[in-house]
């Protein structure tokens, strides 16, 4: 990341490797694939355009369309309202239509694919699909959150134990694994008041509905690929999470108070949230985020949460890979260590594309990571 100018998303510290700007010598996967005959589309979150460049006046060289994407539909930045997103199409801000952002980006992704396949059926495409979910604000229609009514009434301690046992049963973690202790700043669920339990359980019901709805929208893209006979021939990487579950909801959860607002004393904050419990998940919940107890629970089996990088809960995420014509072991689990920077060389290796020495006549930095499979051996995915 530091080679590409990023210490932390779009923040700039003014030092080499910390300026928040992707240099031209670090070409993107979109630029590489576009130059190798692919159409390239991006929808959803694109958090690597500097804030000062993100107006309709540009400059646009660090927008998605300036970094190799033929078309873009989504938002620039780290988060946006799901019903009133700061929406961009190609190189201009556009008015959202009031629907949930995930539905809008899914429709747009499908339209990009269909439009291209109609014009050039045999031309390959690359789609970067990055929903704003499940980043805050947690907003979703009640039909989704209500699916989980009462499902979290036992609380975060019981949930962690249940998930941990399930992970052992599935072989995701070894039987010798030990569940980390609850963070000392988080209260035991059985020590909470009835009002606190009601409030905190509702936060998690909404989050679960938000996640389920996101999964539904992703499945629409996958189902469409199947309908147009492209699924078997499509390599899909699903990278789950935003550096792990977030602690930004504070100890008591957040509904509409910004991260920069003066913190309220605990009991005052709980009272404030209880007065708005019916708004959790709605368009009014402009900062909706669950409390830390659920953040730690959502990172099971790891310790703590996003932003505490030394605890693994802020650094390790699941990866799902689908490539039906190559991967025959459906549902198989891999235990090898991998890193997000390995995705690019793995993709290029599978596609038989060499990393370019130059892009737009600009010499490129070497790609340091290694593919997940031996060079020239796509069959290794079957192992």
Protein backbone atom coordinates (compact mmCIF):
# COMPACT_ATOMS: atom_id res chain seq x y z
CA UNK A 1 0.00 0.00 0.00
CA UNK A 2 2.80 2.43 0.84
CA UNK A 3 4.34 1.85 -2.58
CA UNK A 4 1.04 3.12 -3.98
CA UNK A 5 0.93 6.16 -1.70
CA UNK A 6 -1.46 4.98 1.00
CA UNK A 7 -0.92 4.95 4.72
CA UNK A 8 -4.68 4.94 5.29
CA UNK A 9 -7.24 5.17 2.45
CA UNK A 10 -7.44 8.74 1.16
CA UNK A 11 -5.57 10.43 4.01
CA UNK A 12 -2.38 12.25 3.16
CA UNK A 13 0.48 12.85 5.57
CA UNK A 14 2.63 14.60 2.98
CA UNK A 15 5.46 12.08 3.06
CA UNK A 16 6.67 9.61 0.42
CA UNK A 17 4.34 6.65 0.45
CA UNK A 18 1.81 8.62 2.50
CA UNK A 19 0.40 11.11 0.01
CA UNK A 20 -2.91 9.37 -0.79
CA UNK A 21 -2.28 9.33 -4.53
CA UNK A 22 -1.79 6.23 -6.67
CA UNK A 23 1.32 6.98 -8.77
CA UNK A 24 1.32 6.28 -12.49
CA UNK A 25 4.12 3.73 -12.04
CA UNK A 26 1.74 1.55 -9.97
CA UNK A 27 -0.79 0.68 -12.65
CA UNK A 28 -4.09 -0.85 -11.57
CA UNK A 29 -5.53 -4.20 -12.56
CA UNK A 30 -8.09 -2.27 -14.61
CA UNK A 31 -5.33 -0.60 -16.62
CA UNK A 32 -3.55 -3.90 -17.20
CA UNK A 33 -6.68 -5.76 -18.30
CA UNK A 34 -7.96 -2.89 -20.43
CA UNK A 35 -4.66 -2.87 -22.31
CA UNK A 36 -5.07 -6.62 -22.84
CA UNK A 37 -8.45 -6.40 -24.56
CA UNK A 38 -10.87 -6.32 -21.63
CA UNK A 39 -13.73 -3.97 -20.95
CA UNK A 40 -13.45 -2.74 -17.37
CA UNK A 41 -16.29 -1.68 -15.09
CA UNK A 42 -16.41 -0.52 -11.45
CA UNK A 43 -19.47 -0.06 -9.26
CA UNK A 44 -19.82 0.91 -5.62
CA UNK A 45 -17.12 2.12 -3.29
CA UNK A 46 -13.96 3.67 -4.71
CA UNK A 47 -12.04 5.06 -1.76
CA UNK A 48 -8.75 5.99 -3.40
CA UNK A 49 -9.57 9.32 -5.02
CA UNK A 50 -8.26 12.22 -2.89
CA UNK A 51 -11.04 14.35 -1.42
CA UNK A 52 -9.64 17.50 -2.97
CA UNK A 53 -9.97 15.95 -6.43
CA UNK A 54 -13.47 14.54 -5.96
CA UNK A 55 -15.55 17.45 -7.29
CA UNK A 56 -17.02 17.67 -10.78
CA UNK A 57 -14.14 19.97 -11.67
CA UNK A 58 -11.64 17.14 -11.22
CA UNK A 59 -8.82 16.64 -12.02
CA UNK A 60 -9.99 13.19 -13.08
CA UNK A 61 -6.72 11.30 -13.44
CA UNK A 62 -7.23 9.68 -10.02
CA UNK A 63 -10.91 8.91 -10.53
CA UNK A 64 -11.81 5.34 -11.58
CA UNK A 65 -12.05 6.37 -15.24
CA UNK A 66 -8.55 7.78 -14.94
CA UNK A 67 -7.18 4.54 -13.52
CA UNK A 68 -8.30 2.11 -16.20
CA UNK A 69 -12.06 1.71 -15.83
CA UNK A 70 -14.23 2.26 -18.90
CA UNK A 71 -17.23 3.06 -16.70
CA UNK A 72 -17.84 3.78 -13.01
CA UNK A 73 -21.03 4.07 -10.96
CA UNK A 74 -20.70 4.53 -7.23
CA UNK A 75 -19.17 6.85 -4.65
CA UNK A 76 -15.74 8.29 -3.95
CA UNK A 77 -14.63 8.05 -0.34
CA UNK A 78 -14.85 5.70 2.61
CA UNK A 79 -18.60 5.62 3.29
CA UNK A 80 -21.88 7.10 2.12
CA UNK A 81 -25.55 7.08 3.00
CA UNK A 82 -27.22 4.01 1.48
CA UNK A 83 -30.39 5.92 0.51
CA UNK A 84 -28.86 9.32 -0.24
CA UNK A 85 -25.43 8.38 -1.56
CA UNK A 86 -22.89 10.85 -2.85
CA UNK A 87 -23.31 9.22 -6.23
CA UNK A 88 -21.00 9.48 -9.25
CA UNK A 89 -21.34 8.12 -12.77
CA UNK A 90 -18.17 8.15 -14.84
CA UNK A 91 -16.87 11.72 -14.26
CA UNK A 92 -19.87 13.55 -12.81
CA UNK A 93 -22.05 13.48 -9.72
CA UNK A 94 -25.59 12.28 -10.39
CA UNK A 95 -28.82 12.32 -8.42
CA UNK A 96 -29.64 9.04 -6.64
CA UNK A 97 -33.11 7.65 -7.30
CA UNK A 98 -34.04 6.86 -3.68
CA UNK A 99 -33.49 3.12 -3.86
CA UNK A 100 -30.88 1.38 -1.71
CA UNK A 101 -27.39 1.89 -3.09
CA UNK A 102 -26.75 -1.86 -3.35
CA UNK A 103 -29.72 -2.28 -5.66
CA UNK A 104 -28.61 0.62 -7.82
CA UNK A 105 -25.03 -0.59 -8.26
CA UNK A 106 -26.20 -4.14 -9.00
CA UNK A 107 -28.55 -2.94 -11.72
CA UNK A 108 -25.75 -0.85 -13.18
CA UNK A 109 -23.26 -3.73 -13.11
CA UNK A 110 -25.69 -6.00 -14.94
CA UNK A 111 -26.42 -3.28 -17.50
CA UNK A 112 -22.70 -2.78 -18.18
CA UNK A 113 -22.23 -6.51 -18.78
CA UNK A 114 -25.32 -6.82 -20.99
CA UNK A 115 -24.48 -3.77 -23.05
CA UNK A 116 -20.98 -5.08 -23.71
CA UNK A 117 -22.10 -8.63 -24.51
CA UNK A 118 -24.65 -7.32 -26.99
CA UNK A 119 -21.98 -5.32 -28.83
CA UNK A 120 -19.08 -7.79 -28.51
CA UNK A 121 -20.22 -11.22 -27.22
CA UNK A 122 -16.72 -12.72 -27.16
CA UNK A 123 -14.92 -9.81 -25.54
CA UNK A 124 -13.85 -10.45 -21.92
CA UNK A 125 -14.73 -8.07 -19.11
CA UNK A 126 -13.51 -7.19 -15.63
CA UNK A 127 -16.02 -6.03 -13.01
CA UNK A 128 -15.01 -4.47 -9.70
CA UNK A 129 -18.12 -4.72 -7.48
CA UNK A 130 -17.72 -3.03 -4.09
CA UNK A 131 -20.97 -2.35 -2.20
CA UNK A 132 -21.03 0.30 0.49
CA UNK A 133 -22.25 -2.51 2.73
CA UNK A 134 -21.64 -3.63 5.31
CA UNK A 135 -19.75 -0.49 6.17
CA UNK A 136 -21.63 2.08 8.23
CA UNK A 137 -24.21 3.44 8.03
CA UNK A 138 -26.11 0.19 8.56
CA UNK A 139 -29.31 0.87 6.62
CA UNK A 140 -31.69 -1.68 5.13
CA UNK A 141 -35.41 -2.23 4.59
CA UNK A 142 -37.28 -3.71 7.55
CA UNK A 143 -38.19 -6.82 5.53
CA UNK A 144 -34.54 -7.84 5.83
CA UNK A 145 -33.76 -6.82 9.39
CA UNK A 146 -37.01 -8.29 10.68
CA UNK A 147 -35.82 -11.73 9.51
CA UNK A 148 -33.59 -11.69 12.58
CA UNK A 149 -36.02 -10.53 15.26
CA UNK A 150 -35.08 -12.22 18.50
CA UNK A 151 -32.10 -14.03 16.95
CA UNK A 152 -29.57 -12.08 19.00
CA UNK A 153 -31.41 -11.82 22.30
CA UNK A 154 -28.87 -14.17 23.91
CA UNK A 155 -26.21 -11.51 23.35
CA UNK A 156 -22.67 -11.23 22.14
CA UNK A 157 -21.08 -13.65 24.63
CA UNK A 158 -23.35 -16.52 23.61
CA UNK A 159 -22.98 -15.58 19.94
CA UNK A 160 -19.19 -15.75 20.11
CA UNK A 161 -19.31 -19.20 21.71
CA UNK A 162 -21.80 -20.45 19.12
CA UNK A 163 -19.80 -19.15 16.15
CA UNK A 164 -16.54 -20.47 17.58
CA UNK A 165 -17.98 -23.96 17.97
CA UNK A 166 -19.41 -23.83 14.45
CA UNK A 167 -16.05 -22.80 13.00
CA UNK A 168 -14.40 -25.81 14.64
CA UNK A 169 -17.14 -28.07 13.31
CA UNK A 170 -16.56 -26.78 9.77
CA UNK A 171 -12.81 -27.18 10.02
CA UNK A 172 -12.14 -23.46 9.64
CA UNK A 173 -10.14 -23.37 12.88
CA UNK A 174 -8.35 -26.22 14.69
CA UNK A 175 -10.00 -27.98 17.60
CA UNK A 176 -7.15 -26.78 19.80
CA UNK A 177 -8.06 -23.11 19.23
CA UNK A 178 -8.99 -21.03 22.29
CA UNK A 179 -11.54 -18.22 22.13
CA UNK A 180 -9.94 -14.89 23.15
CA UNK A 181 -11.34 -13.25 26.25
CA UNK A 182 -13.98 -10.57 25.93
CA UNK A 183 -12.43 -7.13 25.74
CA UNK A 184 -12.27 -5.72 29.30
CA UNK A 185 -14.12 -2.56 28.27
CA UNK A 186 -17.14 -4.54 27.05
CA UNK A 187 -19.72 -5.54 29.63
CA UNK A 188 -20.82 -9.14 29.99
CA UNK A 189 -24.22 -9.52 28.30
CA UNK A 190 -25.81 -10.89 31.47
CA UNK A 191 -24.76 -7.74 33.34
CA UNK A 192 -26.69 -5.41 31.01
CA UNK A 193 -30.05 -3.89 31.81
CA UNK A 194 -33.15 -5.00 29.94
CA UNK A 195 -33.17 -1.74 27.97
CA UNK A 196 -29.53 -2.19 26.97
CA UNK A 197 -30.17 -5.73 25.77
CA UNK A 198 -33.17 -4.58 23.73
CA UNK A 199 -31.18 -1.76 22.16
CA UNK A 200 -28.05 -3.73 21.40
CA UNK A 201 -29.92 -6.74 20.03
CA UNK A 202 -31.75 -4.47 17.58
CA UNK A 203 -28.45 -3.06 16.32
CA UNK A 204 -27.32 -6.58 15.47
CA UNK A 205 -30.65 -7.57 13.89
CA UNK A 206 -30.26 -4.65 11.51
CA UNK A 207 -26.65 -5.51 10.75
CA UNK A 208 -27.56 -9.13 10.01
CA UNK A 209 -30.37 -8.00 7.71
CA UNK A 210 -28.01 -5.56 6.02
CA UNK A 211 -25.52 -8.36 5.40
CA UNK A 212 -28.20 -10.75 4.13
CA UNK A 213 -29.52 -8.11 1.76
CA UNK A 214 -26.00 -7.47 0.48
CA UNK A 215 -25.57 -11.19 -0.16
CA UNK A 216 -28.87 -11.13 -2.06
CA UNK A 217 -27.65 -8.33 -4.33
CA UNK A 218 -24.35 -10.08 -5.01
CA UNK A 219 -26.30 -13.22 -5.89
CA UNK A 220 -28.19 -11.23 -8.51
CA UNK A 221 -24.92 -10.60 -10.35
CA UNK A 222 -23.85 -14.24 -10.05
CA UNK A 223 -27.28 -15.46 -11.18
CA UNK A 224 -27.16 -13.15 -14.17
CA UNK A 225 -23.77 -14.51 -15.20
CA UNK A 226 -25.31 -17.97 -15.09
CA UNK A 227 -28.31 -16.84 -17.18
CA UNK A 228 -26.04 -15.51 -19.95
CA UNK A 229 -23.79 -18.61 -19.81
CA UNK A 230 -20.78 -16.74 -18.45
CA UNK A 231 -20.55 -18.07 -14.89
CA UNK A 232 -18.40 -21.15 -15.61
CA UNK A 233 -15.95 -18.98 -17.50
CA UNK A 234 -15.74 -16.25 -14.85
CA UNK A 235 -13.13 -16.01 -12.10
CA UNK A 236 -14.70 -14.47 -8.98
CA UNK A 237 -12.84 -13.27 -5.91
CA UNK A 238 -15.06 -12.34 -2.96
CA UNK A 239 -13.02 -10.45 -0.37
CA UNK A 240 -15.17 -10.09 2.72
CA UNK A 241 -14.85 -7.28 5.20
CA UNK A 242 -13.47 -3.81 5.69
CA UNK A 243 -10.40 -4.69 7.77
CA UNK A 244 -12.62 -6.63 10.12
CA UNK A 245 -15.68 -5.55 12.08
CA UNK A 246 -15.54 -1.92 13.11
CA UNK A 247 -15.23 -0.32 16.52
CA UNK A 248 -16.61 2.97 15.25
CA UNK A 249 -20.02 2.28 16.80
CA UNK A 250 -18.51 2.91 20.26
CA UNK A 251 -19.56 0.96 23.36
CA UNK A 252 -23.25 1.85 23.01
CA UNK A 253 -23.85 1.88 19.27
CA UNK A 254 -24.55 4.83 17.02
CA UNK A 255 -27.67 5.91 15.15
CA UNK A 256 -27.19 9.43 13.85
CA UNK A 257 -24.34 11.04 15.79
CA UNK A 258 -21.24 11.70 13.66
CA UNK A 259 -17.86 10.29 14.61
CA UNK A 260 -16.70 13.83 15.28
CA UNK A 261 -19.52 14.74 17.67
CA UNK A 262 -18.68 15.28 21.34
CA UNK A 263 -19.11 11.91 23.08
CA UNK A 264 -22.06 11.61 25.45
CA UNK A 265 -21.75 10.04 28.91
CA UNK A 266 -22.72 6.36 28.78
CA UNK A 267 -26.16 6.58 30.38
CA UNK A 268 -27.04 9.70 28.39
CA UNK A 269 -25.93 7.96 25.19
CA UNK A 270 -27.99 4.86 25.97
CA UNK A 271 -31.04 7.01 26.71
CA UNK A 272 -30.54 8.92 23.45
CA UNK A 273 -30.31 5.70 21.44
CA UNK A 274 -33.30 4.12 23.19
CA UNK A 275 -35.36 7.14 22.19
CA UNK A 276 -34.51 6.38 18.56
CA UNK A 277 -34.41 2.59 18.61
CA UNK A 278 -37.15 2.47 15.97
CA UNK A 279 -34.92 4.42 13.57
CA UNK A 280 -32.07 1.88 13.58
CA UNK A 281 -31.62 0.68 10.02
CA UNK A 282 -33.85 3.35 8.48
CA UNK A 283 -32.77 6.25 6.24
CA UNK A 284 -32.77 8.40 9.39
CA UNK A 285 -29.95 6.30 10.87
CA UNK A 286 -27.30 8.29 9.03
CA UNK A 287 -24.42 6.93 11.13
CA UNK A 288 -25.91 3.54 12.06
CA UNK A 289 -23.35 1.19 13.58
CA UNK A 290 -23.47 -1.55 16.21
CA UNK A 291 -21.67 -1.37 19.59
CA UNK A 292 -18.23 -2.82 20.26
CA UNK A 293 -19.58 -5.99 21.83
CA UNK A 294 -20.94 -7.01 18.45
CA UNK A 295 -17.80 -5.82 16.67
CA UNK A 296 -15.72 -8.29 18.67
CA UNK A 297 -18.33 -11.00 18.18
CA UNK A 298 -18.37 -10.45 14.43
CA UNK A 299 -14.59 -10.97 14.34
CA UNK A 300 -14.74 -14.40 15.97
CA UNK A 301 -12.38 -16.30 16.24
CA UNK A 302 -10.00 -13.36 16.30
CA UNK A 303 -9.34 -10.77 18.96
CA UNK A 304 -10.92 -7.32 18.94
CA UNK A 305 -11.69 -5.34 15.77
CA UNK A 306 -10.77 -3.06 12.89
CA UNK A 307 -8.17 -0.38 13.67
CA UNK A 308 -6.37 -2.57 16.22
CA UNK A 309 -4.07 -4.23 13.70
CA UNK A 310 -2.14 -6.22 16.31
CA UNK A 311 -5.23 -8.24 17.21
CA UNK A 312 -5.91 -9.97 13.85
CA UNK A 313 -9.58 -9.01 14.02
CA UNK A 314 -8.46 -5.91 12.18
CA UNK A 315 -6.29 -7.61 9.60
CA UNK A 316 -7.72 -10.99 8.61
CA UNK A 317 -10.78 -11.52 6.43
CA UNK A 318 -12.34 -14.45 4.57
CA UNK A 319 -11.70 -14.94 0.86
CA UNK A 320 -14.01 -16.92 -1.41
CA UNK A 321 -12.81 -17.94 -4.86
CA UNK A 322 -15.08 -19.30 -7.60
CA UNK A 323 -13.93 -20.41 -11.04
CA UNK A 324 -16.23 -23.28 -12.04
CA UNK A 325 -14.32 -24.42 -15.10
CA UNK A 326 -11.10 -24.74 -13.06
CA UNK A 327 -12.02 -25.22 -9.38
CA UNK A 328 -13.80 -28.55 -9.02
CA UNK A 329 -13.62 -28.75 -5.23
CA UNK A 330 -16.74 -26.79 -4.38
CA UNK A 331 -16.80 -25.59 -0.79
CA UNK A 332 -13.23 -26.65 -0.08
CA UNK A 333 -11.26 -24.87 2.62
CA UNK A 334 -7.72 -23.60 2.13
CA UNK A 335 -5.39 -22.85 5.03
CA UNK A 336 -2.45 -21.30 3.16
CA UNK A 337 -1.48 -17.78 4.15
CA UNK A 338 -2.52 -15.19 1.59
CA UNK A 339 -2.53 -11.43 1.30
CA UNK A 340 -4.67 -9.02 -0.64
CA UNK A 341 -1.64 -8.00 -2.72
CA UNK A 342 -1.47 -11.57 -4.05
CA UNK A 343 -4.81 -11.20 -5.87
CA UNK A 344 -3.36 -9.28 -8.83
CA UNK A 345 -0.54 -11.68 -9.71
CA UNK A 346 -2.86 -14.66 -9.21
CA UNK A 347 -5.37 -13.17 -11.62
CA UNK A 348 -2.73 -12.39 -14.21
CA UNK A 349 -1.27 -15.88 -13.93
CA UNK A 350 -4.65 -17.52 -14.47
CA UNK A 351 -5.35 -15.30 -17.48
CA UNK A 352 -1.93 -15.85 -18.98
CA UNK A 353 -1.09 -12.13 -18.88
CA UNK A 354 2.38 -10.87 -18.03
CA UNK A 355 2.73 -7.88 -15.74
CA UNK A 356 3.53 -4.95 -18.06
CA UNK A 357 6.89 -3.21 -17.97
CA UNK A 358 5.15 0.01 -19.00
CA UNK A 359 1.65 1.50 -18.95
CA UNK A 360 1.07 4.56 -21.11
CA UNK A 361 4.83 4.69 -21.68
CA UNK A 362 5.46 4.94 -17.93
CA UNK A 363 7.81 2.37 -16.41
CA UNK A 364 6.05 0.23 -13.80
CA UNK A 365 7.26 -0.87 -10.41
CA UNK A 366 7.72 -4.64 -10.21
CA UNK A 367 4.87 -6.64 -8.69
CA UNK A 368 6.42 -8.15 -5.56
CA UNK A 369 3.77 -10.64 -4.39
CA UNK A 370 3.51 -14.15 -5.77
CA UNK A 371 0.47 -15.92 -7.22
CA UNK A 372 -1.49 -18.43 -5.18
CA UNK A 373 -0.59 -21.09 -7.75
CA UNK A 374 2.63 -22.16 -9.48
CA UNK A 375 3.34 -20.35 -12.79
CA UNK A 376 1.66 -22.02 -15.74
CA UNK A 377 -0.36 -24.38 -13.54
CA UNK A 378 -4.00 -23.34 -13.27
CA UNK A 379 -4.80 -26.91 -12.34
CA UNK A 380 -3.24 -26.19 -8.94
CA UNK A 381 -6.60 -24.66 -7.99
CA UNK A 382 -8.00 -28.20 -8.02
CA UNK A 383 -5.62 -29.37 -5.31
